[in-house]
């Protein structure tokens, strides 16, 4: 694929190099020539110095033939404006934006753009690791609004039914239960055994409620 990466900071350089290593044709745009020093020495994609808001710079990068565009500058306004313009003018739909300031996320969502908000996602993950050790994330969707959590059943849940864990919790859904290497799709009546591995799809509010429920069962059994 022919991919254009706008912004050659740490994120942009890492992304461009990963795409290059996978065999894609990569063009990197940055308004500072020194930014290209972030690229590894063996990077063989194209680099273009210029202001991405200048249409001629996009033409030099081959925007007309691009299969995808990644906007990872530290300017949320630039990312939003360029993404919206490129989609309208050139008809490119495969656009992903890095969100730098979470306060700008609503603008991206208003435009219907794909957004990766490292600040929001990172803060949520750190909060979880600090205060919620029961159940860790194995997959994150969007910007962490919905995640897949892995929970290992301890002795306090032995013999409980799945429905007892999720009752009244509309923000949490059990999607798989693995026992002795065999996975099934659990139902509310599935009986739990110590050592079971359960994957839950949940919002942060949903997993918080589930963790409280698990703690109550474990406290009652001790």
Protein backbone atom coordinates (compact mmCIF):
# COMPACT_ATOMS: atom_id res chain seq x y z
CA UNK A 1 0.00 0.00 0.00
CA UNK A 2 0.97 3.61 -0.55
CA UNK A 3 0.79 5.36 2.84
CA UNK A 4 1.47 8.98 3.74
CA UNK A 5 2.51 9.77 7.31
CA UNK A 6 2.24 13.42 8.36
CA UNK A 7 4.47 14.26 11.31
CA UNK A 8 7.86 12.75 12.00
CA UNK A 9 8.10 12.95 15.75
CA UNK A 10 8.56 9.81 17.83
CA UNK A 11 5.16 8.39 16.92
CA UNK A 12 5.35 9.29 13.25
CA UNK A 13 8.88 7.95 12.82
CA UNK A 14 8.01 4.68 14.56
CA UNK A 15 4.84 4.26 12.48
CA UNK A 16 6.61 5.06 9.20
CA UNK A 17 9.39 2.58 9.96
CA UNK A 18 6.96 -0.18 10.92
CA UNK A 19 5.03 0.33 7.68
CA UNK A 20 8.26 0.36 5.68
CA UNK A 21 9.41 -2.87 7.30
CA UNK A 22 6.11 -4.48 6.27
CA UNK A 23 6.82 -3.67 2.63
CA UNK A 24 4.58 -0.64 2.15
CA UNK A 25 5.53 2.46 0.17
CA UNK A 26 5.82 5.20 2.76
CA UNK A 27 6.08 8.96 2.39
CA UNK A 28 6.72 11.10 5.47
CA UNK A 29 5.90 14.81 5.64
CA UNK A 30 7.19 17.23 8.26
CA UNK A 31 7.78 20.96 8.23
CA UNK A 32 11.14 20.52 10.02
CA UNK A 33 13.95 18.77 8.17
CA UNK A 34 15.57 17.87 11.49
CA UNK A 35 12.53 15.73 12.34
CA UNK A 36 13.61 13.16 9.78
CA UNK A 37 16.54 12.34 12.06
CA UNK A 38 14.00 10.38 14.12
CA UNK A 39 13.82 7.81 11.33
CA UNK A 40 16.15 4.79 11.60
CA UNK A 41 19.15 4.85 9.23
CA UNK A 42 17.81 1.98 7.14
CA UNK A 43 14.46 3.64 6.39
CA UNK A 44 14.06 3.81 2.60
CA UNK A 45 10.78 5.65 2.24
CA UNK A 46 10.38 9.19 0.90
CA UNK A 47 10.70 12.29 3.07
CA UNK A 48 9.21 15.66 2.16
CA UNK A 49 9.86 18.85 4.06
CA UNK A 50 6.98 21.28 3.94
CA UNK A 51 3.79 22.53 5.53
CA UNK A 52 1.04 19.94 5.07
CA UNK A 53 -1.60 22.69 4.85
CA UNK A 54 0.03 23.63 1.54
CA UNK A 55 -1.74 21.66 -1.18
CA UNK A 56 1.43 21.50 -3.26
CA UNK A 57 3.16 19.57 -0.49
CA UNK A 58 0.39 16.97 -0.56
CA UNK A 59 0.70 16.73 -4.34
CA UNK A 60 4.44 16.16 -4.03
CA UNK A 61 3.69 13.37 -1.57
CA UNK A 62 1.37 11.73 -4.12
CA UNK A 63 -1.89 12.26 -2.27
CA UNK A 64 -3.89 11.43 -5.42
CA UNK A 65 -2.57 7.85 -5.39
CA UNK A 66 -2.42 7.31 -1.62
CA UNK A 67 -4.15 4.29 -0.12
CA UNK A 68 -4.07 5.67 3.39
CA UNK A 69 -3.14 8.73 5.43
CA UNK A 70 -1.89 8.91 9.03
CA UNK A 71 -1.89 12.33 10.69
CA UNK A 72 0.28 12.19 13.80
CA UNK A 73 1.44 15.75 14.32
CA UNK A 74 1.19 17.35 17.76
CA UNK A 75 -1.32 19.89 16.41
CA UNK A 76 -4.87 18.63 16.76
CA UNK A 77 -6.22 21.47 14.64
CA UNK A 78 -3.86 20.65 11.76
CA UNK A 79 -4.71 16.96 11.98
CA UNK A 80 -8.44 17.65 11.89
CA UNK A 81 -8.36 20.21 9.06
CA UNK A 82 -6.09 18.16 6.80
CA UNK A 83 -8.02 14.94 7.41
CA UNK A 84 -11.34 16.56 6.61
CA UNK A 85 -9.99 18.30 3.50
CA UNK A 86 -8.26 15.19 2.13
CA UNK A 87 -11.38 13.10 2.58
CA UNK A 88 -13.57 15.67 0.82
CA UNK A 89 -11.19 16.75 -1.97
CA UNK A 90 -9.40 13.48 -2.76
CA UNK A 91 -11.99 10.96 -1.61
CA UNK A 92 -9.59 9.11 0.70
CA UNK A 93 -11.49 7.33 3.46
CA UNK A 94 -8.63 5.36 5.03
CA UNK A 95 -7.49 8.11 7.41
CA UNK A 96 -6.30 7.70 11.00
CA UNK A 97 -5.55 10.61 13.31
CA UNK A 98 -3.51 10.87 16.45
CA UNK A 99 -5.32 12.87 19.12
CA UNK A 100 -2.87 14.89 21.21
CA UNK A 101 -5.24 16.85 23.48
CA UNK A 102 -8.34 14.87 24.62
CA UNK A 103 -10.39 18.07 24.51
CA UNK A 104 -10.23 17.90 20.70
CA UNK A 105 -11.67 14.38 20.44
CA UNK A 106 -15.24 15.61 20.05
CA UNK A 107 -14.23 17.53 16.90
CA UNK A 108 -12.73 14.42 15.32
CA UNK A 109 -15.79 12.38 16.21
CA UNK A 110 -18.05 15.07 14.73
CA UNK A 111 -16.21 14.64 11.42
CA UNK A 112 -16.52 10.86 11.71
CA UNK A 113 -12.75 10.34 11.67
CA UNK A 114 -10.81 7.39 13.07
CA UNK A 115 -8.97 8.60 16.15
CA UNK A 116 -6.24 7.17 18.36
CA UNK A 117 -6.07 9.15 21.60
CA UNK A 118 -2.92 8.00 23.37
CA UNK A 119 -3.44 10.46 26.23
CA UNK A 120 -6.95 9.22 27.08
CA UNK A 121 -6.14 5.57 26.59
CA UNK A 122 -2.85 5.77 28.49
CA UNK A 123 -4.40 7.59 31.46
CA UNK A 124 -7.17 5.01 31.71
CA UNK A 125 -4.74 2.09 31.58
CA UNK A 126 -2.52 3.62 34.28
CA UNK A 127 -5.57 4.21 36.47
CA UNK A 128 -6.62 0.58 36.05
CA UNK A 129 -3.17 -0.75 36.89
CA UNK A 130 -2.90 1.45 39.97
CA UNK A 131 -6.26 0.71 41.51
CA UNK A 132 -7.82 -2.31 39.82
CA UNK A 133 -5.47 -5.32 39.79
CA UNK A 134 -8.30 -7.86 39.24
CA UNK A 135 -8.67 -8.46 35.52
CA UNK A 136 -6.28 -6.94 33.02
CA UNK A 137 -6.88 -5.65 29.50
CA UNK A 138 -6.00 -7.88 26.55
CA UNK A 139 -7.66 -5.85 23.78
CA UNK A 140 -8.77 -2.23 23.49
CA UNK A 141 -11.38 -0.98 21.02
CA UNK A 142 -11.59 2.62 19.87
CA UNK A 143 -9.84 4.71 22.48
CA UNK A 144 -10.56 2.39 25.36
CA UNK A 145 -14.30 2.99 25.57
CA UNK A 146 -14.76 -0.79 25.29
CA UNK A 147 -12.06 -3.29 26.21
CA UNK A 148 -11.62 -7.03 26.57
CA UNK A 149 -10.61 -8.01 30.10
CA UNK A 150 -9.12 -11.31 31.24
CA UNK A 151 -10.23 -12.65 34.62
CA UNK A 152 -8.91 -15.81 36.28
CA UNK A 153 -11.47 -17.48 38.54
CA UNK A 154 -10.22 -17.85 42.11
CA UNK A 155 -11.48 -20.21 44.83
CA UNK A 156 -14.02 -17.66 46.06
CA UNK A 157 -15.99 -17.97 42.81
CA UNK A 158 -15.99 -21.77 42.74
CA UNK A 159 -19.52 -23.02 41.99
CA UNK A 160 -20.96 -19.60 41.22
CA UNK A 161 -22.94 -19.06 38.04
CA UNK A 162 -21.85 -16.53 35.43
CA UNK A 163 -25.11 -14.65 35.81
CA UNK A 164 -24.30 -13.95 39.45
CA UNK A 165 -21.25 -11.96 38.32
CA UNK A 166 -22.96 -9.93 35.61
CA UNK A 167 -26.47 -9.54 37.03
CA UNK A 168 -27.67 -5.96 36.67
CA UNK A 169 -24.50 -4.96 34.85
CA UNK A 170 -25.44 -3.86 31.34
CA UNK A 171 -21.91 -2.60 30.65
CA UNK A 172 -20.22 -5.99 30.95
CA UNK A 173 -20.64 -9.14 28.84
CA UNK A 174 -18.87 -12.49 29.22
CA UNK A 175 -17.66 -13.51 25.75
CA UNK A 176 -15.68 -16.69 26.45
CA UNK A 177 -14.83 -19.16 29.20
CA UNK A 178 -11.76 -21.39 28.91
CA UNK A 179 -11.34 -24.50 31.06
CA UNK A 180 -8.45 -26.96 30.66
CA UNK A 181 -7.64 -25.46 27.29
CA UNK A 182 -11.16 -25.64 25.81
CA UNK A 183 -13.12 -22.44 25.23
CA UNK A 184 -16.90 -22.04 25.16
CA UNK A 185 -19.33 -19.14 24.89
CA UNK A 186 -20.75 -18.94 28.42
CA UNK A 187 -24.37 -18.41 29.37
CA UNK A 188 -25.83 -16.95 32.53
CA UNK A 189 -26.15 -20.47 33.95
CA UNK A 190 -22.55 -21.53 33.25
CA UNK A 191 -20.98 -22.76 36.50
CA UNK A 192 -17.54 -21.43 37.34
CA UNK A 193 -14.58 -23.49 38.54
CA UNK A 194 -11.30 -22.34 40.06
CA UNK A 195 -8.74 -21.76 37.34
CA UNK A 196 -11.28 -20.87 34.64
CA UNK A 197 -10.21 -18.06 32.34
CA UNK A 198 -13.01 -15.65 31.43
CA UNK A 199 -12.91 -12.86 28.86
CA UNK A 200 -15.31 -9.99 29.46
CA UNK A 201 -16.18 -7.22 27.03
CA UNK A 202 -16.85 -4.14 29.13
CA UNK A 203 -16.74 -0.40 29.50
CA UNK A 204 -14.67 1.00 32.34
CA UNK A 205 -17.83 1.41 34.42
CA UNK A 206 -18.82 -2.17 33.64
CA UNK A 207 -15.50 -3.73 34.61
CA UNK A 208 -15.40 -1.63 37.79
CA UNK A 209 -18.77 -3.02 38.83
CA UNK A 210 -17.67 -6.56 37.98
CA UNK A 211 -14.51 -6.20 40.07
CA UNK A 212 -16.58 -5.06 43.05
CA UNK A 213 -18.88 -8.05 42.62
CA UNK A 214 -15.92 -10.46 42.49
CA UNK A 215 -14.40 -8.87 45.59
CA UNK A 216 -17.68 -9.32 47.46
CA UNK A 217 -17.84 -13.03 46.61
CA UNK A 218 -14.20 -13.56 47.57
CA UNK A 219 -14.66 -11.70 50.88
CA UNK A 220 -17.76 -13.75 51.69
CA UNK A 221 -15.92 -17.02 51.08
CA UNK A 222 -12.87 -16.15 53.19
